[in-house]
Amino acid sequence: MTEHLPLKQIAAARTLDGARVAAEIKEEVREGVSEFVRLYDAPPALAVVRVGDDAASLVYVRNKIRTSEELGFRSEHHALPASTTEAELLASISELNRRDDVDGILVQLPLPHGIDDKKIIESIDPAKDVDGFHPLNVGRLVAGQADAAPCTPAGIIKLLKRSNIEMRGRHACVVGRSNIVGRPMAQLFLQHDATVTICHSRTIDLASVTRHADILVVAIGRAAFIQGEHIKAGAVVIDVGMNQLTDSNIIDELFDDAEEVARRHASFAKRGYILIGDVHPAQAAKKAAWLTPVPGGVGLLTVAMLMRNTLHAANRRRAS
């Protein structure tokens, strides 16, 4: 089925440049925001809601707020205490839904224990749901009519397209079935005429499935879990994972290149950890034709696509 595909084993995987594509998308959004301001005399607005003091969530929110302001959006950060009840959070979202000066609403996940994520997501106005998680928007995605696809899968599609990697006719395998990445990723691959397999924690003999994939997307949250045996020679490997490695002794096992090993040790000495993905970097580099780095790959695209979704939401609201 895939004999026409220009996939072949190479000496070392080439890097899929997520930073370059993310920068292109953000520049397009910046121009779109400028045009929006020219037409409506006010910038589009993004409201980000964070509950509690989770350190990772705070970093993610700051990054989203900073990027939105750099691109010309008006941003609001609603930082609610960990003691916030579900009813109080629902009331805050209801107020943002009513406000005409708010175009996009993002509730940073995970939420504290005792708050139902699903109920909160369903309370967001679908027209302002820039994450693309509301059930109505999920249904539109499945029907091929999505106004706002979830940011990480949508960013991966942009990365593949702008790297001139063909999806039509290829076998795309997604490892992970979350509503945030795995399931919407599969839907987007289908819409680009790929043949799709979804694997998960109950998949029997995972490697026997993944090593048939021309395009392998991994989003399982297990550091360096996918190894050489899981990867088809010449495949495109997209690593969505972002895991903190706190044992510096493992660095030498994960990376072959001396300069990269030295850089990672220096980063560890500075921070006390390094970030690695769900794919074993050294083993993947020997089998794949294309590979996303961690960090510097998919994560940058996620934020860029969030900005794109917010601009599109603002334009749709003005046009309706």
Protein backbone atom coordinates (compact mmCIF):
# COMPACT_ATOMS: atom_id res chain seq x y z
CA MET A 1 0.00 0.00 0.00
CA THR A 2 2.84 2.38 0.81
CA GLU A 3 5.45 1.34 -1.72
CA HIS A 4 5.16 4.72 -3.44
CA LEU A 5 6.16 6.58 -0.31
CA PRO A 6 9.64 8.14 -0.25
CA LEU A 7 10.53 6.61 3.11
CA LYS A 8 13.91 4.97 3.60
CA GLN A 9 16.37 4.32 6.37
CA ILE A 10 19.03 6.99 6.73
CA ALA A 11 22.19 7.33 8.82
CA ALA A 12 20.49 9.65 11.30
CA ALA A 13 17.04 11.18 11.60
CA ARG A 14 16.56 14.71 10.38
CA THR A 15 14.96 17.15 12.80
CA LEU A 16 11.40 18.30 12.23
CA ASP A 17 11.74 21.98 13.05
CA GLY A 18 8.78 22.79 15.28
CA ALA A 19 10.34 26.10 16.25
CA ARG A 20 10.42 27.28 12.64
CA VAL A 21 6.82 26.30 11.93
CA ALA A 22 5.60 27.77 15.22
CA ALA A 23 7.34 31.06 14.38
CA GLU A 24 5.66 31.10 10.95
CA ILE A 25 2.22 30.52 12.47
CA LYS A 26 2.73 33.21 15.10
CA GLU A 27 3.81 35.72 12.46
CA GLU A 28 0.66 34.95 10.47
CA VAL A 29 -1.40 35.42 13.64
CA ARG A 30 0.36 38.71 14.39
CA GLU A 31 -0.63 39.99 10.96
CA GLY A 32 -4.18 38.74 11.49
CA VAL A 33 -4.44 40.51 14.83
CA SER A 34 -3.25 43.76 13.23
CA GLU A 35 -5.96 43.45 10.58
CA PHE A 36 -8.53 42.66 13.29
CA VAL A 37 -7.59 45.82 15.19
CA ARG A 38 -7.82 47.84 11.97
CA LEU A 39 -11.33 46.54 11.32
CA TYR A 40 -12.75 46.61 14.85
CA ASP A 41 -10.60 49.17 16.66
CA ALA A 42 -9.84 46.73 19.49
CA PRO A 43 -7.69 43.61 19.81
CA PRO A 44 -9.11 40.11 20.20
CA ALA A 45 -9.12 38.97 23.82
CA LEU A 46 -8.12 35.70 25.48
CA ALA A 47 -9.09 34.85 29.06
CA VAL A 48 -7.05 32.13 30.77
CA VAL A 49 -8.43 30.61 33.98
CA ARG A 50 -6.11 28.82 36.39
CA VAL A 51 -7.19 27.21 39.67
CA GLY A 52 -4.67 26.42 42.39
CA ASP A 53 -0.90 26.61 42.60
CA ASP A 54 0.33 23.78 40.37
CA ALA A 55 3.83 24.85 39.31
CA ALA A 56 3.66 23.35 35.81
CA SER A 57 0.28 24.97 35.15
CA LEU A 58 1.65 28.34 36.21
CA VAL A 59 4.53 28.02 33.74
CA TYR A 60 2.18 27.01 30.91
CA VAL A 61 -0.22 29.87 31.65
CA ARG A 62 2.55 32.46 31.80
CA ASN A 63 3.83 31.26 28.44
CA LYS A 64 0.39 31.50 26.85
CA ILE A 65 -0.25 34.96 28.30
CA ARG A 66 3.18 36.23 27.25
CA THR A 67 2.79 34.90 23.71
CA SER A 68 -0.70 36.33 23.31
CA GLU A 69 0.47 39.78 24.39
CA GLU A 70 3.51 39.61 22.09
CA LEU A 71 1.17 38.96 19.15
CA GLY A 72 -1.14 41.87 20.01
CA PHE A 73 -3.98 40.15 21.84
CA ARG A 74 -5.51 41.51 25.01
CA SER A 75 -5.12 38.84 27.66
CA GLU A 76 -6.64 38.20 31.06
CA HIS A 77 -5.24 35.81 33.68
CA HIS A 78 -7.88 34.71 36.17
CA ALA A 79 -5.85 33.05 38.95
CA LEU A 80 -8.27 31.43 41.39
CA PRO A 81 -7.23 29.91 44.72
CA ALA A 82 -7.03 26.14 45.24
CA SER A 83 -10.01 26.46 47.59
CA THR A 84 -12.26 27.50 44.68
CA THR A 85 -15.34 25.30 44.51
CA GLU A 86 -16.78 23.83 41.35
CA ALA A 87 -19.79 26.15 41.66
CA GLU A 88 -17.53 29.19 41.97
CA LEU A 89 -15.52 28.17 38.93
CA LEU A 90 -18.69 27.59 36.91
CA ALA A 91 -19.88 31.07 37.91
CA SER A 92 -16.59 32.60 36.74
CA ILE A 93 -16.85 30.87 33.38
CA SER A 94 -20.48 31.90 33.02
CA GLU A 95 -19.44 35.52 33.47
CA LEU A 96 -16.72 35.17 30.81
CA ASN A 97 -19.26 33.55 28.47
CA ARG A 98 -21.53 36.60 28.85
CA ARG A 99 -18.82 39.19 28.28
CA ASP A 100 -18.78 40.47 24.72
CA ASP A 101 -15.18 41.72 25.12
CA VAL A 102 -13.84 38.18 25.63
CA ASP A 103 -13.31 36.13 22.46
CA GLY A 104 -11.57 33.03 23.79
CA ILE A 105 -11.71 31.14 27.08
CA LEU A 106 -9.11 28.60 28.20
CA VAL A 107 -9.29 26.72 31.49
CA GLN A 108 -5.87 25.33 32.36
CA LEU A 109 -5.92 21.63 33.15
CA PRO A 110 -5.56 19.71 35.39
CA LEU A 111 -8.02 21.13 37.89
CA PRO A 112 -7.83 20.49 41.66
CA HIS A 113 -9.42 17.40 43.16
CA GLY A 114 -13.16 17.79 43.59
CA ILE A 115 -13.76 19.74 40.38
CA ASP A 116 -15.18 17.79 37.43
CA ASP A 117 -13.06 18.62 34.35
CA LYS A 118 -15.81 17.48 31.99
CA LYS A 119 -18.45 19.67 33.60
CA ILE A 120 -16.14 22.68 33.43
CA ILE A 121 -15.28 22.10 29.76
CA GLU A 122 -18.96 21.69 28.87
CA SER A 123 -19.75 25.00 30.57
CA ILE A 124 -17.56 27.01 28.18
CA ASP A 125 -19.36 28.70 25.29
CA PRO A 126 -18.41 26.54 22.26
CA ALA A 127 -17.80 29.71 20.24
CA LYS A 128 -15.16 30.75 22.80
CA ASP A 129 -13.66 27.28 23.30
CA VAL A 130 -10.19 27.86 21.86
CA ASP A 131 -8.89 24.51 23.13
CA GLY A 132 -11.45 22.66 21.01
CA PHE A 133 -12.46 20.40 23.93
CA HIS A 134 -16.19 21.19 24.18
CA PRO A 135 -18.33 18.18 23.10
CA LEU A 136 -19.96 20.26 20.36
CA ASN A 137 -16.56 21.11 18.90
CA VAL A 138 -15.42 17.50 19.28
CA GLY A 139 -18.49 16.44 17.28
CA ARG A 140 -17.68 18.98 14.59
CA LEU A 141 -14.14 17.62 14.43
CA VAL A 142 -15.41 14.09 13.92
CA ALA A 143 -17.74 15.37 11.19
CA GLY A 144 -14.87 17.18 9.49
CA GLN A 145 -16.42 20.57 10.27
CA ALA A 146 -14.24 21.76 13.15
CA ASP A 147 -13.85 25.50 13.67
CA ALA A 148 -11.15 24.92 16.30
CA ALA A 149 -9.31 21.61 16.47
CA PRO A 150 -7.35 20.82 19.66
CA CYS A 151 -4.09 22.71 19.52
CA THR A 152 -1.49 19.94 19.75
CA PRO A 153 -2.91 17.67 17.02
CA ALA A 154 -3.64 20.67 14.80
CA GLY A 155 -0.06 21.85 15.28
CA ILE A 156 1.29 18.44 14.30
CA ILE A 157 -0.70 18.54 11.06
CA LYS A 158 0.75 21.99 10.32
CA LEU A 159 4.26 20.69 11.03
CA LEU A 160 3.86 17.77 8.64
CA LYS A 161 2.35 19.92 5.88
CA ARG A 162 4.98 22.63 6.14
CA SER A 163 7.74 20.02 6.18
CA ASN A 164 6.35 18.59 2.92
CA ILE A 165 5.60 15.22 4.49
CA GLU A 166 2.74 13.48 2.71
CA MET A 167 -0.03 11.97 4.82
CA ARG A 168 -2.28 10.64 2.07
CA GLY A 169 -2.11 6.87 1.83
CA ARG A 170 0.34 6.49 4.68
CA HIS A 171 -0.14 4.38 7.77
CA ALA A 172 -0.33 6.75 10.73
CA CYS A 173 -0.15 5.20 14.19
CA VAL A 174 -1.08 7.20 17.29
CA VAL A 175 0.11 5.85 20.65
CA GLY A 176 -2.25 7.28 23.26
CA ARG A 177 -6.01 7.81 23.25
CA SER A 178 -6.53 10.96 25.30
CA ASN A 179 -9.19 13.47 24.33
CA ILE A 180 -6.49 16.14 24.18
CA VAL A 181 -4.09 14.48 21.72
CA GLY A 182 -4.68 10.86 20.72
CA ARG A 183 -8.31 10.80 19.62
CA PRO A 184 -8.36 14.17 17.80
CA MET A 185 -5.00 13.33 16.19
CA ALA A 186 -6.53 10.20 14.69
CA GLN A 187 -9.49 12.18 13.35
CA LEU A 188 -7.22 14.75 11.70
CA PHE A 189 -5.12 12.03 10.09
CA LEU A 190 -8.29 10.47 8.67
CA GLN A 191 -9.25 13.84 7.20
CA HIS A 192 -5.88 13.90 5.45
CA ASP A 193 -6.45 10.46 3.92
CA ALA A 194 -4.08 8.50 6.14
CA THR A 195 -4.86 4.96 7.29
CA VAL A 196 -4.99 5.24 11.07
CA THR A 197 -4.28 2.93 14.00
CA ILE A 198 -4.70 3.97 17.64
CA CYS A 199 -2.66 2.12 20.28
CA HIS A 200 -2.99 2.38 24.05
CA SER A 201 -2.14 0.69 27.34
CA ARG A 202 -4.19 -2.39 26.46
CA THR A 203 -2.62 -2.94 23.03
CA ILE A 204 -1.08 -6.40 22.80
CA ASP A 205 2.51 -6.50 21.48
CA LEU A 206 2.72 -2.76 20.88
CA ALA A 207 5.94 -2.93 18.85
CA SER A 208 4.37 -5.29 16.30
CA VAL A 209 1.83 -2.55 15.54
CA THR A 210 3.91 0.61 15.73
CA ARG A 211 6.77 -0.64 13.57
CA HIS A 212 4.42 -0.79 10.58
CA ALA A 213 3.68 2.94 10.86
CA ASP A 214 4.95 5.42 8.30
CA ILE A 215 4.05 8.24 10.71
CA LEU A 216 4.23 7.51 14.44
CA VAL A 217 2.80 9.98 16.97
CA VAL A 218 3.51 9.19 20.62
CA ALA A 219 1.59 10.82 23.48
CA ILE A 220 1.59 8.52 26.51
CA GLY A 221 3.55 10.36 29.22
CA ARG A 222 6.18 7.64 29.74
CA ALA A 223 9.77 8.82 29.40
CA ALA A 224 11.75 7.19 26.54
CA PHE A 225 9.23 4.33 26.39
CA ILE A 226 9.19 4.00 22.60
CA GLN A 227 12.48 2.45 21.50
CA GLY A 228 14.09 1.35 18.28
CA GLU A 229 12.11 -1.89 18.12
CA HIS A 230 8.88 0.13 17.93
CA ILE A 231 9.95 2.20 14.91
CA LYS A 232 9.84 1.38 11.21
CA ALA A 233 13.04 2.21 9.36
CA GLY A 234 12.55 5.57 7.68
CA ALA A 235 9.42 6.52 9.63
CA VAL A 236 8.38 10.00 10.69
CA VAL A 237 8.29 10.11 14.50
CA ILE A 238 6.40 12.83 16.37
CA ASP A 239 7.17 12.89 20.10
CA VAL A 240 4.47 14.71 22.09
CA GLY A 241 5.83 13.65 25.48
CA MET A 242 7.29 16.09 27.99
CA ASN A 243 8.78 14.32 31.00
CA GLN A 244 11.16 15.53 33.70
CA LEU A 245 14.26 13.36 34.06
CA THR A 246 15.81 13.76 37.51
CA ASP A 247 18.57 11.12 37.26
CA SER A 248 21.57 12.50 35.39
CA ASN A 249 23.11 9.02 35.08
CA ILE A 250 20.55 8.16 32.41
CA ILE A 251 21.57 11.02 30.11
CA ASP A 252 24.49 9.04 28.65
CA GLU A 253 22.08 6.19 27.81
CA LEU A 254 19.59 8.43 26.04
CA PHE A 255 21.89 10.45 23.77
CA ASP A 256 24.74 9.35 21.49
CA ASP A 257 26.06 12.68 20.25
CA ALA A 258 28.85 13.96 22.52
CA GLU A 259 27.84 17.61 22.13
CA GLU A 260 24.22 16.81 22.96
CA VAL A 261 25.26 14.77 26.01
CA ALA A 262 27.38 17.66 27.25
CA ARG A 263 24.57 20.15 26.65
CA ARG A 264 22.09 17.98 28.52
CA HIS A 265 24.44 17.54 31.48
CA ALA A 266 24.94 21.31 31.62
CA SER A 267 21.18 21.85 31.58
CA PHE A 268 20.75 19.27 34.34
CA ALA A 269 23.41 20.94 36.47
CA LYS A 270 21.58 24.26 36.12
CA ARG A 271 17.99 23.07 36.69
CA GLY A 272 18.24 19.73 38.46
CA TYR A 273 16.36 18.00 35.66
CA ILE A 274 16.07 17.80 31.89
CA LEU A 275 13.03 17.35 29.69
CA ILE A 276 12.74 14.27 27.51
CA GLY A 277 9.93 12.87 25.44
CA ASP A 278 8.12 9.54 25.24
CA VAL A 279 10.56 8.34 22.55
CA HIS A 280 14.11 7.15 23.24
CA PRO A 281 16.05 9.86 21.35
CA ALA A 282 19.21 7.93 20.45
CA GLN A 283 17.43 4.79 19.31
CA ALA A 284 14.81 6.74 17.36
CA ALA A 285 17.50 8.77 15.61
CA LYS A 286 18.98 5.54 14.22
CA LYS A 287 15.68 4.26 12.81
CA ALA A 288 13.55 7.27 11.86
CA ALA A 289 13.91 9.53 8.83
CA TRP A 290 12.36 12.49 10.66
CA LEU A 291 12.11 13.14 14.40
CA THR A 292 10.82 15.98 16.57
CA PRO A 293 13.13 17.19 19.34
CA VAL A 294 12.11 17.49 22.98
CA PRO A 295 12.02 20.26 23.97
CA GLY A 296 11.71 22.50 20.93
CA GLY A 297 9.25 20.46 18.90
CA VAL A 298 5.54 19.95 19.43
CA GLY A 299 5.18 22.14 22.53
CA LEU A 300 5.95 25.33 20.64
CA LEU A 301 3.34 24.43 18.03
CA THR A 302 0.66 23.93 20.68
CA VAL A 303 0.94 27.52 21.88
CA ALA A 304 1.07 28.88 18.33
CA MET A 305 -2.11 27.01 17.39
CA LEU A 306 -3.84 28.30 20.53
CA MET A 307 -3.16 31.83 19.28
CA ARG A 308 -4.48 30.88 15.85
CA ASN A 309 -7.65 29.40 17.34
CA THR A 310 -8.22 32.54 19.41
CA LEU A 311 -7.91 34.81 16.39
CA HIS A 312 -10.30 32.62 14.41
CA ALA A 313 -12.80 32.62 17.29
CA ALA A 314 -12.70 36.42 17.42
CA ASN A 315 -13.24 36.74 13.67
CA ARG A 316 -16.13 34.25 13.71
CA ARG A 317 -17.84 36.09 16.54
CA ARG A 318 -17.66 39.39 14.67
CA ALA A 319 -18.92 37.79 11.47
CA SER A 320 -21.92 36.10 13.12
